[in-house]
Amino acid sequence: MATVLTTGSQLQCAHGGSVTLTGGRSALKVDGKPVIARADVMGATISGCSTPTSSPPAPVTKPCLAVTSLIAGESTNLSAGGMKVLTTDARGLTDGIAPDGPGQWSSKSAGHSKLSAS
């Protein structure tokens, strides 16, 4: 089982940028922090991405600035406010472009160890 993510969790792009979580599902809280769902990460801003901006003729690159998708990490058995909560298995894509492909984000820390879900 993976740990449930909250607004106190740490999400990062593959280049070290931090995903800013501004909302959550207040129907369920862990350590006083709302759990998060797909809607809470979609469009979330990213700051501090280390991918440099390039200009032609170099390969096109762009720092990660926002979350664009969720690929994995929704709980199959726990929801809050009618939405499946995210777990530490959460990962997805960003709007960034690196030489090795599109930018990606993932969970780095749940910020707690009190609630798990599959």
C-alpha atoms as a PDB file:
ATOM      1  CA  MET A   1       0.000   0.000   0.000  1.00  0.00           C
ATOM      2  CA  ALA A   2       1.065   3.538  -0.732  1.00  0.00           C
ATOM      3  CA  THR A   3       0.698   6.552   1.558  1.00  0.00           C
ATOM      4  CA  VAL A   4      -2.067   9.082   0.845  1.00  0.00           C
ATOM      5  CA  LEU A   5      -0.952  12.535  -0.344  1.00  0.00           C
ATOM      6  CA  THR A   6      -2.039  15.756   1.378  1.00  0.00           C
ATOM      7  CA  THR A   7      -1.456  19.455   0.881  1.00  0.00           C
ATOM      8  CA  GLY A   8       1.641  18.910   3.043  1.00  0.00           C
ATOM      9  CA  SER A   9       3.150  16.387   0.614  1.00  0.00           C
ATOM     10  CA  GLN A  10       6.122  17.147  -1.592  1.00  0.00           C
ATOM     11  CA  LEU A  11       5.728  16.748  -5.364  1.00  0.00           C
ATOM     12  CA  GLN A  12       8.577  17.560  -7.768  1.00  0.00           C
ATOM     13  CA  CYS A  13       9.363  17.624 -11.444  1.00  0.00           C
ATOM     14  CA  ALA A  14      12.230  15.429 -12.609  1.00  0.00           C
ATOM     15  CA  HIS A  15      14.511  18.492 -12.638  1.00  0.00           C
ATOM     16  CA  GLY A  16      13.969  19.432  -8.987  1.00  0.00           C
ATOM     17  CA  GLY A  17      11.144  21.935  -9.375  1.00  0.00           C
ATOM     18  CA  SER A  18       8.490  22.018  -6.657  1.00  0.00           C
ATOM     19  CA  VAL A  19       4.799  21.556  -7.433  1.00  0.00           C
ATOM     20  CA  THR A  20       2.685  24.090  -5.516  1.00  0.00           C
ATOM     21  CA  LEU A  21      -0.464  22.551  -4.051  1.00  0.00           C
ATOM     22  CA  THR A  22      -3.073  25.204  -3.271  1.00  0.00           C
ATOM     23  CA  GLY A  23      -6.182  23.138  -2.569  1.00  0.00           C
ATOM     24  CA  GLY A  24      -7.306  19.774  -1.358  1.00  0.00           C
ATOM     25  CA  ARG A  25     -10.301  17.680  -0.365  1.00  0.00           C
ATOM     26  CA  SER A  26     -11.195  19.012   3.079  1.00  0.00           C
ATOM     27  CA  ALA A  27     -13.694  16.148   3.593  1.00  0.00           C
ATOM     28  CA  LEU A  28     -10.684  14.042   4.664  1.00  0.00           C
ATOM     29  CA  LYS A  29      -7.646  15.379   6.479  1.00  0.00           C
ATOM     30  CA  VAL A  30      -4.426  13.806   7.750  1.00  0.00           C
ATOM     31  CA  ASP A  31      -2.541  15.750  10.437  1.00  0.00           C
ATOM     32  CA  GLY A  32      -4.954  18.625   9.752  1.00  0.00           C
ATOM     33  CA  LYS A  33      -4.045  18.794   6.056  1.00  0.00           C
ATOM     34  CA  PRO A  34      -6.586  18.021   3.305  1.00  0.00           C
ATOM     35  CA  VAL A  35      -5.887  15.012   1.078  1.00  0.00           C
ATOM     36  CA  ILE A  36      -5.370  15.742  -2.618  1.00  0.00           C
ATOM     37  CA  ALA A  37      -7.043  14.375  -5.747  1.00  0.00           C
ATOM     38  CA  ARG A  38      -6.539  14.701  -9.520  1.00  0.00           C
ATOM     39  CA  ALA A  39      -8.281  18.089  -9.632  1.00  0.00           C
ATOM     40  CA  ASP A  40      -5.849  19.452  -7.057  1.00  0.00           C
ATOM     41  CA  VAL A  41      -2.723  18.720  -9.116  1.00  0.00           C
ATOM     42  CA  MET A  42      -3.993  19.445 -12.634  1.00  0.00           C
ATOM     43  CA  GLY A  43      -2.636  22.846 -13.650  1.00  0.00           C
ATOM     44  CA  ALA A  44      -0.639  23.226 -10.430  1.00  0.00           C
ATOM     45  CA  THR A  45       2.328  25.548 -10.841  1.00  0.00           C
ATOM     46  CA  ILE A  46       5.930  24.373 -10.695  1.00  0.00           C
ATOM     47  CA  SER A  47       8.775  26.574  -9.534  1.00  0.00           C
ATOM     48  CA  GLY A  48      12.523  26.003  -9.485  1.00  0.00           C
ATOM     49  CA  CYS A  49      12.791  23.604 -12.454  1.00  0.00           C
ATOM     50  CA  SER A  50      16.439  23.385 -13.511  1.00  0.00           C
ATOM     51  CA  THR A  51      15.807  22.684 -17.219  1.00  0.00           C
ATOM     52  CA  PRO A  52      17.314  25.686 -19.018  1.00  0.00           C
ATOM     53  CA  THR A  53      15.467  27.510 -21.772  1.00  0.00           C
ATOM     54  CA  SER A  54      17.140  27.064 -25.144  1.00  0.00           C
ATOM     55  CA  SER A  55      16.894  28.720 -28.503  1.00  0.00           C
ATOM     56  CA  PRO A  56      17.445  27.177 -31.935  1.00  0.00           C
ATOM     57  CA  PRO A  57      19.564  25.613 -33.290  1.00  0.00           C
ATOM     58  CA  ALA A  58      20.066  23.828 -29.946  1.00  0.00           C
ATOM     59  CA  PRO A  59      17.490  21.161 -29.063  1.00  0.00           C
ATOM     60  CA  VAL A  60      14.328  22.832 -27.842  1.00  0.00           C
ATOM     61  CA  THR A  61      14.004  22.864 -24.051  1.00  0.00           C
ATOM     62  CA  LYS A  62      11.542  24.530 -21.709  1.00  0.00           C
ATOM     63  CA  PRO A  63      11.430  24.463 -17.907  1.00  0.00           C
ATOM     64  CA  CYS A  64       8.498  22.762 -16.196  1.00  0.00           C
ATOM     65  CA  LEU A  65       5.984  25.427 -15.172  1.00  0.00           C
ATOM     66  CA  ALA A  66       2.729  23.477 -14.710  1.00  0.00           C
ATOM     67  CA  VAL A  67       1.325  19.973 -14.242  1.00  0.00           C
ATOM     68  CA  THR A  68      -0.515  18.821 -17.383  1.00  0.00           C
ATOM     69  CA  SER A  69      -1.538  15.242 -16.583  1.00  0.00           C
ATOM     70  CA  LEU A  70      -1.822  12.469 -14.041  1.00  0.00           C
ATOM     71  CA  ILE A  71      -0.621   9.073 -15.296  1.00  0.00           C
ATOM     72  CA  ALA A  72      -0.816   6.996 -12.108  1.00  0.00           C
ATOM     73  CA  GLY A  73      -1.409   7.178  -8.393  1.00  0.00           C
ATOM     74  CA  GLU A  74      -5.158   7.385  -7.804  1.00  0.00           C
ATOM     75  CA  SER A  75      -6.373   5.193  -4.965  1.00  0.00           C
ATOM     76  CA  THR A  76      -8.745   2.409  -5.968  1.00  0.00           C
ATOM     77  CA  ASN A  77     -10.399   2.208  -2.551  1.00  0.00           C
ATOM     78  CA  LEU A  78     -10.337   5.650  -0.906  1.00  0.00           C
ATOM     79  CA  SER A  79     -12.054   8.843  -1.984  1.00  0.00           C
ATOM     80  CA  ALA A  80     -12.888  12.216  -0.464  1.00  0.00           C
ATOM     81  CA  GLY A  81     -15.578  14.575  -1.669  1.00  0.00           C
ATOM     82  CA  GLY A  82     -16.439  12.125  -4.462  1.00  0.00           C
ATOM     83  CA  MET A  83     -12.893  12.061  -5.863  1.00  0.00           C
ATOM     84  CA  LYS A  84     -10.237   9.348  -5.626  1.00  0.00           C
ATOM     85  CA  VAL A  85      -7.353  10.503  -3.445  1.00  0.00           C
ATOM     86  CA  LEU A  86      -3.763  10.415  -4.693  1.00  0.00           C
ATOM     87  CA  THR A  87      -1.034   8.243  -3.209  1.00  0.00           C
ATOM     88  CA  THR A  88       2.753   8.312  -3.204  1.00  0.00           C
ATOM     89  CA  ASP A  89       2.577   6.340  -6.483  1.00  0.00           C
ATOM     90  CA  ALA A  90       1.316   9.531  -8.178  1.00  0.00           C
ATOM     91  CA  ARG A  91       3.161  10.682 -11.280  1.00  0.00           C
ATOM     92  CA  GLY A  92       2.402  12.522 -14.479  1.00  0.00           C
ATOM     93  CA  LEU A  93       3.568  14.983 -17.115  1.00  0.00           C
ATOM     94  CA  THR A  94       4.383  18.678 -17.057  1.00  0.00           C
ATOM     95  CA  ASP A  95       4.505  21.328 -19.766  1.00  0.00           C
ATOM     96  CA  GLY A  96       8.324  21.179 -19.698  1.00  0.00           C
ATOM     97  CA  ILE A  97      10.477  19.905 -22.546  1.00  0.00           C
ATOM     98  CA  ALA A  98      13.898  18.359 -21.945  1.00  0.00           C
ATOM     99  CA  PRO A  99      16.330  16.736 -24.385  1.00  0.00           C
ATOM    100  CA  ASP A 100      15.120  13.326 -23.170  1.00  0.00           C
ATOM    101  CA  GLY A 101      11.410  14.096 -23.673  1.00  0.00           C
ATOM    102  CA  PRO A 102       8.476  15.752 -21.942  1.00  0.00           C
ATOM    103  CA  GLY A 103       8.791  16.876 -18.353  1.00  0.00           C
ATOM    104  CA  GLN A 104       7.558  14.552 -15.641  1.00  0.00           C
ATOM    105  CA  TRP A 105       6.556  14.980 -12.008  1.00  0.00           C
ATOM    106  CA  SER A 106       6.190  12.534  -9.124  1.00  0.00           C
ATOM    107  CA  SER A 107       5.660  12.325  -5.388  1.00  0.00           C
ATOM    108  CA  LYS A 108       8.832  12.752  -3.322  1.00  0.00           C
ATOM    109  CA  SER A 109       7.320  12.658   0.168  1.00  0.00           C
ATOM    110  CA  ALA A 110       3.853  12.125   1.617  1.00  0.00           C
ATOM    111  CA  GLY A 111       4.778  14.309   4.580  1.00  0.00           C
ATOM    112  CA  HIS A 112       3.227  11.799   7.010  1.00  0.00           C
ATOM    113  CA  SER A 113       2.966   8.050   7.614  1.00  0.00           C
ATOM    114  CA  LYS A 114      -0.527   7.805   9.107  1.00  0.00           C
ATOM    115  CA  LEU A 115      -2.860   6.890   6.209  1.00  0.00           C
ATOM    116  CA  SER A 116      -2.266   4.377   3.429  1.00  0.00           C
ATOM    117  CA  ALA A 117      -4.494   3.232   0.565  1.00  0.00           C
ATOM    118  CA  SER A 118      -4.317   1.043  -2.494  1.00  0.00           C
END
